[in-house]
Amino acid sequence: MRKLASFLMVTLDGYFEGEKPWDIDWHNVDEEFNDFAIEQLDATDCLVFGRATYVGMAQYWPSEQAIKDDPIVAAKMNSSPKIVVSHALDTPEPAWSNTRLVRDVEDLAPLKKEKGKEMLVLGSSVLTTNLMELGLLDELRIIINPVLIGAGNSLASSAERRIPLKLLSTREFRSGNVLLTYKPVQP
């Protein structure tokens, strides 16, 4: 059975984006972070997104700017098989190579039973929370950026119940970022 993990970046005050969608100019990224991103993508053979994150990623990664600024990550993002979980979409829009649509978060359970590398949810806070509540998420990876923004959207804003987590590991980056890796604990 393969692992289903989720990766998000948050501020020290717990926001994954500012008050407006895609307000992420505070992301603290450098070469060490980029190496980490490539390591994660190398361990993955399926990327998973909620609708809103999918739309943003599908607009950015195939762009000339993304390919110019980050050719290795762009190549991996664009060539990887992708799943978008959405009730609202009829087809994955905008179109992005190797993408398929599933209607319900529970449709990911049988995919975890297939052989392969890990499945990785990128961003997608509502999807991540739903996966934890259903007991489908195996690992939650959060990079805390050393910045306070005062207001925004938090990972917990869509949680319907308390979700206990067990700390598995920590990693400090030279930039001041800290990666916390957790296992959701089912009550």
Foldseek 3Di string as FASTA:
>chain_A
DEAEEEEAEAAPVFARAFADPPNVPLDQDDVVNLVVLLVVLVLAQEEEEEQVVLQVCQVPLVDPVNCVVPVSNSVSVQPGAYEYEDCPDPARPPDGPNYGYDDDLCVCVVVRVDDDGHYYYYDHLLSVLVCLVVVNHFKYKYKYRHDDDPHHHHSCPNHPDDWDWDWDDWDADPNRIIITMTGTDDD
